[in-house]
Amino acid sequence: MITFLEGMLVEKQPARIVLNVGGVGYEVWIPLSSYDRLGAPNTVCRVLTYHHVREDAQILYGFMTAGERRLFELLLTISGIGPRIALSALSGMSVRELKAAVAENDVKRLNSISGIGRKTAERIVIELRDKLSSGEALEAVSGGDEADPGEVLLRDAVLALISLGYKQADAQKMVRQVAKHTDGETQVEAIVRRALTGT
């Protein structure tokens, strides 16, 4: 299997690129999120790939980040979703936005992506929910690195409760209930203690 390609970017279009690797031109289909990260034509670039093999064709799908490729592969595990729809999903939303939609059961948001009907959107939510780690889901919902320190503190408190055996939904609810009364608390331990005692 081809896992990445590194070579000269010969052609660059929003959904497709051609890479010259050692004198061989590889056609690679990409999502818009990867297109935005590509350099200019005639520059060297490295693209992570997913090598899709069918009876009648071999197709390469390319990604600029490991997160994009991982989510693409997760989408392919869902019944009724092929590479084209998975690529469309990554073109319609960023990795973080897709994960957030799944974590928040936002079927309507997923349904707004071209090529994804309501039933497919519902399947994405149901089947991906258990495949995303608690940390991934919380990071997506809270905005990841863009989150302010207070949000990061609450997210860490939720993760701590999950590590104690609470379900994610219950942990989030417990932290939300005490978040209003944290009085500028800056310690995860104190928030967890308050969540456990309900004070």
N, C-alpha and C. Protein backbone atom coordinates (compact mmCIF):
# COMPACT_ATOMS: atom_id res chain seq x y z
N MET A 1 0.84 -1.20 0.00
CA MET A 1 0.00 0.00 0.00
C MET A 1 0.87 1.26 0.00
N ILE A 2 0.39 2.29 -0.65
CA ILE A 2 1.13 3.57 -0.69
C ILE A 2 0.64 4.41 0.48
N THR A 3 1.53 4.78 1.39
CA THR A 3 1.12 5.52 2.58
C THR A 3 1.42 7.02 2.50
N PHE A 4 2.39 7.41 1.67
CA PHE A 4 2.61 8.83 1.40
C PHE A 4 3.38 8.99 0.09
N LEU A 5 3.29 10.19 -0.46
CA LEU A 5 4.04 10.54 -1.68
C LEU A 5 4.76 11.86 -1.43
N GLU A 6 5.98 11.95 -1.91
CA GLU A 6 6.72 13.20 -1.83
C GLU A 6 7.33 13.48 -3.18
N GLY A 7 6.99 14.63 -3.74
CA GLY A 7 7.50 14.97 -5.06
C GLY A 7 7.08 16.36 -5.49
N MET A 8 7.28 16.65 -6.77
CA MET A 8 6.96 17.97 -7.32
C MET A 8 5.47 18.08 -7.60
N LEU A 9 4.86 19.14 -7.11
CA LEU A 9 3.44 19.40 -7.36
C LEU A 9 3.29 19.96 -8.78
N VAL A 10 2.80 19.13 -9.68
CA VAL A 10 2.70 19.51 -11.09
C VAL A 10 1.38 20.22 -11.38
N GLU A 11 0.29 19.65 -10.90
CA GLU A 11 -1.04 20.24 -11.09
C GLU A 11 -1.71 20.39 -9.74
N LYS A 12 -2.49 21.46 -9.61
CA LYS A 12 -3.18 21.72 -8.34
C LYS A 12 -4.58 22.25 -8.62
N GLN A 13 -5.60 21.46 -8.29
CA GLN A 13 -6.99 21.86 -8.42
C GLN A 13 -7.67 21.61 -7.08
N PRO A 14 -8.81 22.26 -6.80
CA PRO A 14 -9.45 22.11 -5.49
C PRO A 14 -9.73 20.66 -5.06
N ALA A 15 -9.97 19.76 -5.99
CA ALA A 15 -10.27 18.37 -5.59
C ALA A 15 -9.22 17.37 -6.05
N ARG A 16 -8.20 17.85 -6.79
CA ARG A 16 -7.27 16.91 -7.42
C ARG A 16 -5.91 17.55 -7.61
N ILE A 17 -4.87 16.73 -7.36
CA ILE A 17 -3.51 17.19 -7.65
C ILE A 17 -2.77 16.10 -8.42
N VAL A 18 -1.69 16.50 -9.07
CA VAL A 18 -0.80 15.54 -9.71
C VAL A 18 0.59 15.78 -9.15
N LEU A 19 1.19 14.71 -8.64
CA LEU A 19 2.54 14.79 -8.07
C LEU A 19 3.51 14.03 -8.97
N ASN A 20 4.64 14.64 -9.28
CA ASN A 20 5.70 13.98 -10.03
C ASN A 20 6.68 13.39 -9.02
N VAL A 21 6.63 12.07 -8.86
CA VAL A 21 7.52 11.38 -7.92
C VAL A 21 8.49 10.52 -8.73
N GLY A 22 9.73 10.96 -8.82
CA GLY A 22 10.74 10.21 -9.56
C GLY A 22 10.39 9.98 -11.03
N GLY A 23 9.74 10.97 -11.64
CA GLY A 23 9.39 10.85 -13.06
C GLY A 23 8.05 10.17 -13.33
N VAL A 24 7.35 9.77 -12.28
CA VAL A 24 6.02 9.16 -12.42
C VAL A 24 4.97 10.14 -11.89
N GLY A 25 3.95 10.42 -12.70
CA GLY A 25 2.89 11.33 -12.28
C GLY A 25 1.76 10.59 -11.56
N TYR A 26 1.54 10.92 -10.29
CA TYR A 26 0.47 10.31 -9.50
C TYR A 26 -0.71 11.27 -9.38
N GLU A 27 -1.89 10.80 -9.78
CA GLU A 27 -3.11 11.59 -9.59
C GLU A 27 -3.65 11.28 -8.19
N VAL A 28 -3.89 12.34 -7.42
CA VAL A 28 -4.35 12.17 -6.03
C VAL A 28 -5.58 13.06 -5.80
N TRP A 29 -6.64 12.48 -5.28
CA TRP A 29 -7.85 13.22 -4.96
C TRP A 29 -7.76 13.73 -3.53
N ILE A 30 -8.09 15.00 -3.31
CA ILE A 30 -7.89 15.62 -2.00
C ILE A 30 -9.15 16.38 -1.56
N PRO A 31 -9.32 16.56 -0.23
CA PRO A 31 -10.40 17.43 0.26
C PRO A 31 -9.97 18.89 0.21
N LEU A 32 -10.92 19.80 0.28
CA LEU A 32 -10.61 21.23 0.25
C LEU A 32 -9.70 21.65 1.39
N SER A 33 -9.86 20.99 2.54
CA SER A 33 -9.03 21.33 3.70
C SER A 33 -7.55 21.11 3.41
N SER A 34 -7.24 20.08 2.62
CA SER A 34 -5.83 19.83 2.25
C SER A 34 -5.38 20.78 1.14
N TYR A 35 -6.28 21.09 0.22
CA TYR A 35 -5.96 22.01 -0.87
C TYR A 35 -5.46 23.34 -0.32
N ASP A 36 -6.13 23.82 0.74
CA ASP A 36 -5.76 25.11 1.33
C ASP A 36 -4.35 25.11 1.92
N ARG A 37 -3.83 23.91 2.26
CA ARG A 37 -2.50 23.82 2.88
C ARG A 37 -1.39 23.54 1.88
N LEU A 38 -1.74 23.29 0.64
CA LEU A 38 -0.74 22.96 -0.38
C LEU A 38 0.08 24.18 -0.75
N GLY A 39 1.32 23.93 -1.16
CA GLY A 39 2.16 25.01 -1.67
C GLY A 39 1.79 25.33 -3.11
N ALA A 40 2.60 26.16 -3.73
CA ALA A 40 2.36 26.55 -5.13
C ALA A 40 2.81 25.44 -6.06
N PRO A 41 2.25 25.38 -7.28
CA PRO A 41 2.72 24.42 -8.28
C PRO A 41 4.22 24.56 -8.50
N ASN A 42 4.85 23.45 -8.86
CA ASN A 42 6.30 23.37 -9.10
C ASN A 42 7.13 23.52 -7.82
N THR A 43 6.50 23.21 -6.67
CA THR A 43 7.25 23.12 -5.43
C THR A 43 7.13 21.67 -4.93
N VAL A 44 8.08 21.28 -4.10
CA VAL A 44 8.06 19.91 -3.56
C VAL A 44 7.09 19.85 -2.38
N CYS A 45 6.26 18.82 -2.36
CA CYS A 45 5.36 18.65 -1.23
C CYS A 45 5.22 17.18 -0.86
N ARG A 46 4.78 16.94 0.36
CA ARG A 46 4.59 15.58 0.87
C ARG A 46 3.13 15.41 1.23
N VAL A 47 2.50 14.38 0.70
CA VAL A 47 1.08 14.14 0.91
C VAL A 47 0.87 12.75 1.51
N LEU A 48 0.16 12.68 2.62
CA LEU A 48 -0.22 11.38 3.19
C LEU A 48 -1.32 10.79 2.31
N THR A 49 -1.30 9.51 2.10
CA THR A 49 -2.27 8.94 1.16
C THR A 49 -3.05 7.76 1.74
N TYR A 50 -4.21 7.56 1.13
CA TYR A 50 -5.02 6.36 1.38
C TYR A 50 -5.16 5.70 0.01
N HIS A 51 -4.67 4.48 -0.10
CA HIS A 51 -4.66 3.75 -1.37
C HIS A 51 -5.91 2.88 -1.44
N HIS A 52 -6.87 3.31 -2.26
CA HIS A 52 -8.15 2.59 -2.37
C HIS A 52 -8.11 1.65 -3.58
N VAL A 53 -8.24 0.38 -3.30
CA VAL A 53 -8.15 -0.62 -4.38
C VAL A 53 -9.52 -1.24 -4.63
N ARG A 54 -9.97 -1.14 -5.89
CA ARG A 54 -11.22 -1.79 -6.30
C ARG A 54 -10.89 -2.78 -7.41
N GLU A 55 -11.87 -3.58 -7.80
CA GLU A 55 -11.64 -4.55 -8.88
C GLU A 55 -11.25 -3.86 -10.17
N ASP A 56 -11.87 -2.68 -10.40
CA ASP A 56 -11.67 -2.01 -11.69
C ASP A 56 -10.75 -0.79 -11.63
N ALA A 57 -10.25 -0.45 -10.44
CA ALA A 57 -9.42 0.76 -10.35
C ALA A 57 -8.61 0.80 -9.05
N GLN A 58 -7.53 1.58 -9.11
CA GLN A 58 -6.76 1.91 -7.91
C GLN A 58 -6.71 3.43 -7.82
N ILE A 59 -7.22 3.97 -6.72
CA ILE A 59 -7.35 5.42 -6.58
C ILE A 59 -6.61 5.88 -5.34
N LEU A 60 -5.87 6.98 -5.46
CA LEU A 60 -5.16 7.56 -4.32
C LEU A 60 -5.91 8.78 -3.80
N TYR A 61 -6.12 8.81 -2.49
CA TYR A 61 -6.70 9.98 -1.83
C TYR A 61 -5.62 10.57 -0.94
N GLY A 62 -5.47 11.89 -0.99
CA GLY A 62 -4.36 12.53 -0.28
C GLY A 62 -4.80 13.51 0.79
N PHE A 63 -3.94 13.66 1.81
CA PHE A 63 -4.24 14.52 2.95
C PHE A 63 -2.96 15.19 3.44
N MET A 64 -3.11 16.41 3.90
CA MET A 64 -1.95 17.14 4.39
C MET A 64 -1.70 16.89 5.87
N THR A 65 -2.70 16.33 6.59
CA THR A 65 -2.50 16.04 8.01
C THR A 65 -2.95 14.61 8.32
N ALA A 66 -2.36 14.06 9.38
CA ALA A 66 -2.72 12.70 9.81
C ALA A 66 -4.16 12.67 10.33
N GLY A 67 -4.60 13.78 10.92
CA GLY A 67 -5.97 13.86 11.44
C GLY A 67 -7.01 13.72 10.34
N GLU A 68 -6.74 14.34 9.19
CA GLU A 68 -7.66 14.23 8.06
C GLU A 68 -7.73 12.79 7.57
N ARG A 69 -6.58 12.18 7.43
CA ARG A 69 -6.56 10.80 6.92
C ARG A 69 -7.25 9.85 7.89
N ARG A 70 -7.01 10.03 9.19
CA ARG A 70 -7.64 9.14 10.18
C ARG A 70 -9.16 9.27 10.13
N LEU A 71 -9.67 10.51 10.04
CA LEU A 71 -11.12 10.69 10.01
C LEU A 71 -11.70 10.13 8.72
N PHE A 72 -10.98 10.29 7.61
CA PHE A 72 -11.39 9.71 6.33
C PHE A 72 -11.54 8.19 6.47
N GLU A 73 -10.55 7.55 7.07
CA GLU A 73 -10.58 6.09 7.25
C GLU A 73 -11.72 5.67 8.18
N LEU A 74 -12.00 6.47 9.22
CA LEU A 74 -13.11 6.18 10.12
C LEU A 74 -14.44 6.28 9.38
N LEU A 75 -14.57 7.30 8.53
CA LEU A 75 -15.81 7.47 7.76
C LEU A 75 -16.05 6.28 6.83
N LEU A 76 -14.97 5.72 6.29
CA LEU A 76 -15.11 4.57 5.38
C LEU A 76 -15.62 3.32 6.09
N THR A 77 -15.52 3.28 7.41
CA THR A 77 -16.01 2.11 8.15
C THR A 77 -17.53 2.12 8.29
N ILE A 78 -18.15 3.24 7.92
CA ILE A 78 -19.61 3.38 8.07
C ILE A 78 -20.31 2.84 6.84
N SER A 79 -21.31 2.02 7.06
CA SER A 79 -22.08 1.42 5.97
C SER A 79 -22.67 2.50 5.07
N GLY A 80 -22.46 2.35 3.76
CA GLY A 80 -23.04 3.30 2.80
C GLY A 80 -22.16 4.49 2.49
N ILE A 81 -20.99 4.60 3.15
CA ILE A 81 -20.09 5.73 2.88
C ILE A 81 -18.85 5.24 2.16
N GLY A 82 -18.66 5.75 0.96
CA GLY A 82 -17.48 5.42 0.17
C GLY A 82 -16.50 6.57 0.20
N PRO A 83 -15.39 6.43 -0.50
CA PRO A 83 -14.36 7.47 -0.49
C PRO A 83 -14.85 8.85 -0.95
N ARG A 84 -15.72 8.89 -1.96
CA ARG A 84 -16.18 10.19 -2.47
C ARG A 84 -16.98 10.96 -1.42
N ILE A 85 -17.88 10.26 -0.71
CA ILE A 85 -18.67 10.93 0.32
C ILE A 85 -17.78 11.33 1.49
N ALA A 86 -16.83 10.46 1.85
CA ALA A 86 -15.91 10.78 2.95
C ALA A 86 -15.09 12.03 2.60
N LEU A 87 -14.66 12.12 1.33
CA LEU A 87 -13.90 13.28 0.87
C LEU A 87 -14.77 14.53 0.90
N SER A 88 -16.04 14.37 0.50
CA SER A 88 -16.99 15.48 0.52
C SER A 88 -17.20 15.99 1.94
N ALA A 89 -17.26 15.06 2.91
CA ALA A 89 -17.44 15.44 4.31
C ALA A 89 -16.26 16.29 4.78
N LEU A 90 -15.03 15.88 4.41
CA LEU A 90 -13.84 16.62 4.82
C LEU A 90 -13.70 17.94 4.06
N SER A 91 -14.34 18.04 2.91
CA SER A 91 -14.32 19.30 2.16
C SER A 91 -15.35 20.27 2.73
N GLY A 92 -16.43 19.71 3.30
CA GLY A 92 -17.50 20.56 3.83
C GLY A 92 -17.24 21.08 5.23
N MET A 93 -16.42 20.37 5.99
CA MET A 93 -16.11 20.77 7.37
C MET A 93 -14.67 20.43 7.70
N SER A 94 -14.12 21.13 8.67
CA SER A 94 -12.78 20.79 9.15
C SER A 94 -12.88 19.53 10.01
N VAL A 95 -11.75 18.92 10.31
CA VAL A 95 -11.72 17.73 11.16
C VAL A 95 -12.36 18.04 12.51
N ARG A 96 -12.00 19.20 13.09
CA ARG A 96 -12.55 19.58 14.39
C ARG A 96 -14.06 19.76 14.33
N GLU A 97 -14.55 20.40 13.26
CA GLU A 97 -15.99 20.63 13.12
C GLU A 97 -16.75 19.32 12.96
N LEU A 98 -16.19 18.39 12.19
CA LEU A 98 -16.84 17.08 12.02
C LEU A 98 -16.92 16.33 13.35
N LYS A 99 -15.81 16.34 14.08
CA LYS A 99 -15.80 15.66 15.38
C LYS A 99 -16.78 16.31 16.34
N ALA A 100 -16.86 17.65 16.31
CA ALA A 100 -17.78 18.36 17.19
C ALA A 100 -19.23 18.01 16.85
N ALA A 101 -19.53 17.93 15.55
CA ALA A 101 -20.90 17.58 15.12
C ALA A 101 -21.27 16.18 15.61
N VAL A 102 -20.32 15.26 15.55
CA VAL A 102 -20.57 13.89 16.03
C VAL A 102 -20.77 13.90 17.55
N ALA A 103 -19.88 14.59 18.27
CA ALA A 103 -19.94 14.63 19.74
C ALA A 103 -21.23 15.28 20.23
N GLU A 104 -21.73 16.25 19.46
CA GLU A 104 -22.94 16.98 19.88
C GLU A 104 -24.21 16.43 19.24
N ASN A 105 -24.09 15.28 18.55
CA ASN A 105 -25.25 14.67 17.86
C ASN A 105 -25.92 15.65 16.89
N ASP A 106 -25.13 16.46 16.21
CA ASP A 106 -25.66 17.50 15.32
C ASP A 106 -25.88 16.94 13.91
N VAL A 107 -26.98 16.18 13.76
CA VAL A 107 -27.32 15.56 12.48
C VAL A 107 -27.58 16.64 11.42
N LYS A 108 -28.25 17.71 11.82
CA LYS A 108 -28.60 18.78 10.87
C LYS A 108 -27.35 19.38 10.23
N ARG A 109 -26.32 19.58 11.04
CA ARG A 109 -25.07 20.17 10.53
C ARG A 109 -24.40 19.25 9.52
N LEU A 110 -24.37 17.94 9.83
CA LEU A 110 -23.77 16.97 8.91
C LEU A 110 -24.60 16.85 7.64
N ASN A 111 -25.92 16.95 7.78
CA ASN A 111 -26.84 16.86 6.66
C ASN A 111 -26.67 18.02 5.68
N SER A 112 -26.06 19.11 6.15
CA SER A 112 -25.87 20.28 5.29
C SER A 112 -24.71 20.09 4.30
N ILE A 113 -23.91 19.04 4.50
CA ILE A 113 -22.78 18.77 3.60
C ILE A 113 -23.31 18.15 2.31
N SER A 114 -22.83 18.62 1.19
CA SER A 114 -23.25 18.11 -0.11
C SER A 114 -22.99 16.60 -0.22
N GLY A 115 -24.03 15.85 -0.60
CA GLY A 115 -23.89 14.41 -0.79
C GLY A 115 -24.23 13.59 0.44
N ILE A 116 -24.48 14.26 1.58
CA ILE A 116 -24.82 13.53 2.80
C ILE A 116 -26.28 13.80 3.17
N GLY A 117 -27.11 12.76 3.03
CA GLY A 117 -28.52 12.86 3.37
C GLY A 117 -28.73 12.69 4.87
N ARG A 118 -29.97 12.85 5.32
CA ARG A 118 -30.26 12.77 6.75
C ARG A 118 -29.92 11.40 7.34
N LYS A 119 -30.27 10.33 6.63
CA LYS A 119 -30.01 8.98 7.16
C LYS A 119 -28.51 8.72 7.27
N THR A 120 -27.76 9.18 6.27
CA THR A 120 -26.30 9.01 6.32
C THR A 120 -25.72 9.82 7.47
N ALA A 121 -26.23 11.04 7.66
CA ALA A 121 -25.77 11.89 8.76
C ALA A 121 -26.03 11.22 10.10
N GLU A 122 -27.20 10.59 10.24
CA GLU A 122 -27.54 9.90 11.48
C GLU A 122 -26.59 8.71 11.72
N ARG A 123 -26.26 7.98 10.62
CA ARG A 123 -25.34 6.86 10.75
C ARG A 123 -23.95 7.33 11.17
N ILE A 124 -23.52 8.46 10.62
CA ILE A 124 -22.20 9.02 10.98
C ILE A 124 -22.16 9.30 12.48
N VAL A 125 -23.20 9.94 12.99
CA VAL A 125 -23.25 10.27 14.43
C VAL A 125 -23.23 9.00 15.27
N ILE A 126 -24.09 8.05 14.94
CA ILE A 126 -24.22 6.83 15.74
C ILE A 126 -22.94 5.99 15.71
N GLU A 127 -22.37 5.81 14.50
CA GLU A 127 -21.23 4.90 14.37
C GLU A 127 -19.89 5.53 14.75
N LEU A 128 -19.76 6.85 14.58
CA LEU A 128 -18.48 7.48 14.93
C LEU A 128 -18.38 7.86 16.39
N ARG A 129 -19.53 8.02 17.04
CA ARG A 129 -19.54 8.47 18.44
C ARG A 129 -18.65 7.59 19.32
N ASP A 130 -18.75 6.28 19.14
CA ASP A 130 -17.96 5.35 19.97
C ASP A 130 -16.52 5.20 19.49
N LYS A 131 -16.24 5.67 18.27
CA LYS A 131 -14.88 5.51 17.73
C LYS A 131 -13.99 6.70 18.05
N LEU A 132 -14.60 7.82 18.46
CA LEU A 132 -13.81 8.98 18.87
C LEU A 132 -13.51 8.85 20.35
N SER A 133 -12.29 9.09 20.73
CA SER A 133 -11.94 9.03 22.16
C SER A 133 -12.60 10.19 22.89
N SER A 134 -12.73 10.06 24.20
CA SER A 134 -13.32 11.14 25.01
C SER A 134 -12.54 12.43 24.83
N GLY A 135 -11.22 12.30 24.79
CA GLY A 135 -10.37 13.47 24.62
C GLY A 135 -10.60 14.17 23.29
N GLU A 136 -10.72 13.39 22.22
CA GLU A 136 -10.96 13.97 20.89
C GLU A 136 -12.28 14.72 20.86
N ALA A 137 -13.32 14.08 21.40
CA ALA A 137 -14.65 14.69 21.40
C ALA A 137 -14.66 16.00 22.18
N LEU A 138 -14.05 15.98 23.36
CA LEU A 138 -14.02 17.19 24.18
C LEU A 138 -13.19 18.30 23.55
N GLU A 139 -12.08 17.92 22.95
CA GLU A 139 -11.23 18.91 22.29
C GLU A 139 -11.96 19.57 21.14
N ALA A 140 -12.72 18.76 20.38
CA ALA A 140 -13.47 19.29 19.24
C ALA A 140 -14.56 20.24 19.70
N VAL A 141 -15.31 19.83 20.72
CA VAL A 141 -16.42 20.64 21.22
C VAL A 141 -15.93 21.94 21.84
N SER A 142 -14.78 21.88 22.54
CA SER A 142 -14.28 23.07 23.22
C SER A 142 -13.45 23.97 22.32
N GLY A 143 -13.16 23.51 21.12
CA GLY A 143 -12.39 24.34 20.20
C GLY A 143 -10.91 24.07 20.21
N GLY A 144 -10.50 22.99 20.86
CA GLY A 144 -9.09 22.58 20.84
C GLY A 144 -8.18 23.63 21.42
N ASP A 145 -7.11 23.92 20.70
CA ASP A 145 -6.09 24.85 21.18
C ASP A 145 -6.59 26.27 21.31
N GLU A 146 -7.74 26.57 20.62
CA GLU A 146 -8.25 27.93 20.66
C GLU A 146 -9.03 28.21 21.94
N ALA A 147 -9.30 27.18 22.73
CA ALA A 147 -10.10 27.34 23.93
C ALA A 147 -9.38 28.23 24.94
N ASP A 148 -10.18 29.02 25.71
CA ASP A 148 -9.55 29.85 26.74
C ASP A 148 -9.20 28.97 27.95
N PRO A 149 -8.36 29.48 28.85
CA PRO A 149 -7.91 28.66 29.98
C PRO A 149 -9.05 28.09 30.81
N GLY A 150 -10.13 28.85 30.97
CA GLY A 150 -11.27 28.37 31.74
C GLY A 150 -11.91 27.15 31.11
N GLU A 151 -12.05 27.18 29.78
CA GLU A 151 -12.64 26.04 29.07
C GLU A 151 -11.72 24.82 29.17
N VAL A 152 -10.43 25.05 29.05
CA VAL A 152 -9.46 23.95 29.15
C VAL A 152 -9.55 23.31 30.54
N LEU A 153 -9.69 24.14 31.57
CA LEU A 153 -9.80 23.66 32.94
C LEU A 153 -11.04 22.76 33.10
N LEU A 154 -12.17 23.21 32.56
CA LEU A 154 -13.41 22.43 32.65
C LEU A 154 -13.30 21.14 31.86
N ARG A 155 -12.64 21.22 30.68
CA ARG A 155 -12.45 20.02 29.87
C ARG A 155 -11.61 18.99 30.62
N ASP A 156 -10.54 19.47 31.27
CA ASP A 156 -9.68 18.57 32.03
C ASP A 156 -10.44 17.94 33.20
N ALA A 157 -11.35 18.71 33.80
CA ALA A 157 -12.16 18.18 34.89
C ALA A 157 -13.07 17.06 34.39
N VAL A 158 -13.65 17.26 33.21
CA VAL A 158 -14.50 16.23 32.61
C VAL A 158 -13.69 14.97 32.33
N LEU A 159 -12.50 15.15 31.78
CA LEU A 159 -11.63 14.00 31.49
C LEU A 159 -11.26 13.25 32.78
N ALA A 160 -11.05 14.01 33.85
CA ALA A 160 -10.71 13.39 35.13
C ALA A 160 -11.88 12.53 35.62
N LEU A 161 -13.10 13.03 35.48
CA LEU A 161 -14.28 12.27 35.90
C LEU A 161 -14.45 11.02 35.04
N ILE A 162 -14.17 11.15 33.74
CA ILE A 162 -14.27 9.99 32.85
C ILE A 162 -13.26 8.93 33.28
N SER A 163 -12.07 9.37 33.67
CA SER A 163 -11.04 8.42 34.10
C SER A 163 -11.44 7.73 35.41
N LEU A 164 -12.37 8.35 36.15
CA LEU A 164 -12.87 7.74 37.39
C LEU A 164 -14.03 6.77 37.12
N GLY A 165 -14.42 6.67 35.85
CA GLY A 165 -15.45 5.70 35.49
C GLY A 165 -16.80 6.29 35.10
N TYR A 166 -16.92 7.62 35.12
CA TYR A 166 -18.19 8.24 34.72
C TYR A 166 -18.30 8.27 33.20
N LYS A 167 -19.53 8.19 32.69
CA LYS A 167 -19.77 8.31 31.25
C LYS A 167 -19.55 9.76 30.86
N GLN A 168 -19.17 9.97 29.59
CA GLN A 168 -18.84 11.32 29.13
C GLN A 168 -20.00 12.29 29.35
N ALA A 169 -21.23 11.88 28.97
CA ALA A 169 -22.38 12.77 29.10
C ALA A 169 -22.62 13.14 30.56
N ASP A 170 -22.48 12.15 31.46
CA ASP A 170 -22.69 12.41 32.89
C ASP A 170 -21.61 13.34 33.43
N ALA A 171 -20.37 13.09 33.01
CA ALA A 171 -19.25 13.92 33.47
C ALA A 171 -19.43 15.37 33.03
N GLN A 172 -19.84 15.57 31.78
CA GLN A 172 -20.05 16.93 31.28
C GLN A 172 -21.16 17.63 32.06
N LYS A 173 -22.23 16.88 32.34
CA LYS A 173 -23.36 17.45 33.09
C LYS A 173 -22.94 17.85 34.50
N MET A 174 -22.16 16.99 35.15
CA MET A 174 -21.70 17.28 36.52
C MET A 174 -20.82 18.52 36.55
N VAL A 175 -19.91 18.63 35.58
CA VAL A 175 -19.01 19.79 35.55
C VAL A 175 -19.78 21.07 35.22
N ARG A 176 -20.75 20.96 34.29
CA ARG A 176 -21.56 22.14 33.93
C ARG A 176 -22.31 22.67 35.15
N GLN A 177 -22.81 21.75 35.97
CA GLN A 177 -23.60 22.16 37.14
C GLN A 177 -22.77 22.95 38.15
N VAL A 178 -21.50 22.59 38.30
CA VAL A 178 -20.66 23.31 39.28
C VAL A 178 -19.87 24.45 38.64
N ALA A 179 -19.84 24.50 37.30
CA ALA A 179 -19.03 25.52 36.61
C ALA A 179 -19.48 26.93 36.97
N LYS A 180 -20.78 27.11 37.18
CA LYS A 180 -21.30 28.45 37.49
C LYS A 180 -20.83 28.94 38.85
N HIS A 181 -20.45 28.01 39.72
CA HIS A 181 -20.10 28.37 41.10
C HIS A 181 -18.63 28.07 41.44
N THR A 182 -17.76 28.12 40.40
CA THR A 182 -16.35 27.79 40.67
C THR A 182 -15.59 28.94 41.32
N ASP A 183 -16.17 30.16 41.28
CA ASP A 183 -15.54 31.32 41.94
C ASP A 183 -14.09 31.52 41.52
N GLY A 184 -13.81 31.41 40.22
CA GLY A 184 -12.46 31.62 39.73
C GLY A 184 -11.50 30.52 40.08
N GLU A 185 -12.03 29.35 40.39
CA GLU A 185 -11.19 28.20 40.76
C GLU A 185 -10.24 27.85 39.62
N THR A 186 -8.98 27.60 39.95
CA THR A 186 -8.00 27.30 38.91
C THR A 186 -7.41 25.90 39.04
N GLN A 187 -7.94 25.09 39.94
CA GLN A 187 -7.43 23.74 40.14
C GLN A 187 -8.44 22.70 39.66
N VAL A 188 -7.99 21.79 38.80
CA VAL A 188 -8.86 20.72 38.30
C VAL A 188 -9.39 19.89 39.46
N GLU A 189 -8.51 19.59 40.42
CA GLU A 189 -8.90 18.75 41.56
C GLU A 189 -10.07 19.34 42.32
N ALA A 190 -10.05 20.66 42.52
CA ALA A 190 -11.12 21.32 43.27
C ALA A 190 -12.44 21.24 42.52
N ILE A 191 -12.40 21.41 41.20
CA ILE A 191 -13.63 21.33 40.40
C ILE A 191 -14.17 19.91 40.42
N VAL A 192 -13.28 18.93 40.31
CA VAL A 192 -13.70 17.51 40.36
C VAL A 192 -14.33 17.21 41.71
N ARG A 193 -13.72 17.70 42.79
CA ARG A 193 -14.25 17.46 44.13
C ARG A 193 -15.65 18.04 44.26
N ARG A 194 -15.83 19.26 43.75
CA ARG A 194 -17.14 19.91 43.82
C ARG A 194 -18.16 19.14 42.99
N ALA A 195 -17.73 18.64 41.83
CA ALA A 195 -18.63 17.88 40.97
C ALA A 195 -19.06 16.58 41.65
N LEU A 196 -18.15 15.96 42.35
CA LEU A 196 -18.45 14.70 43.03
C LEU A 196 -19.37 14.91 44.25
N THR A 197 -19.20 16.05 44.91
CA THR A 197 -20.03 16.30 46.09
C THR A 197 -21.29 17.09 45.77
N GLY A 198 -21.33 17.65 44.54
CA GLY A 198 -22.51 18.41 44.13
C GLY A 198 -22.61 19.76 44.78
N THR A 199 -21.47 20.32 45.23
CA THR A 199 -21.52 21.64 45.88
C THR A 199 -20.97 22.71 44.96
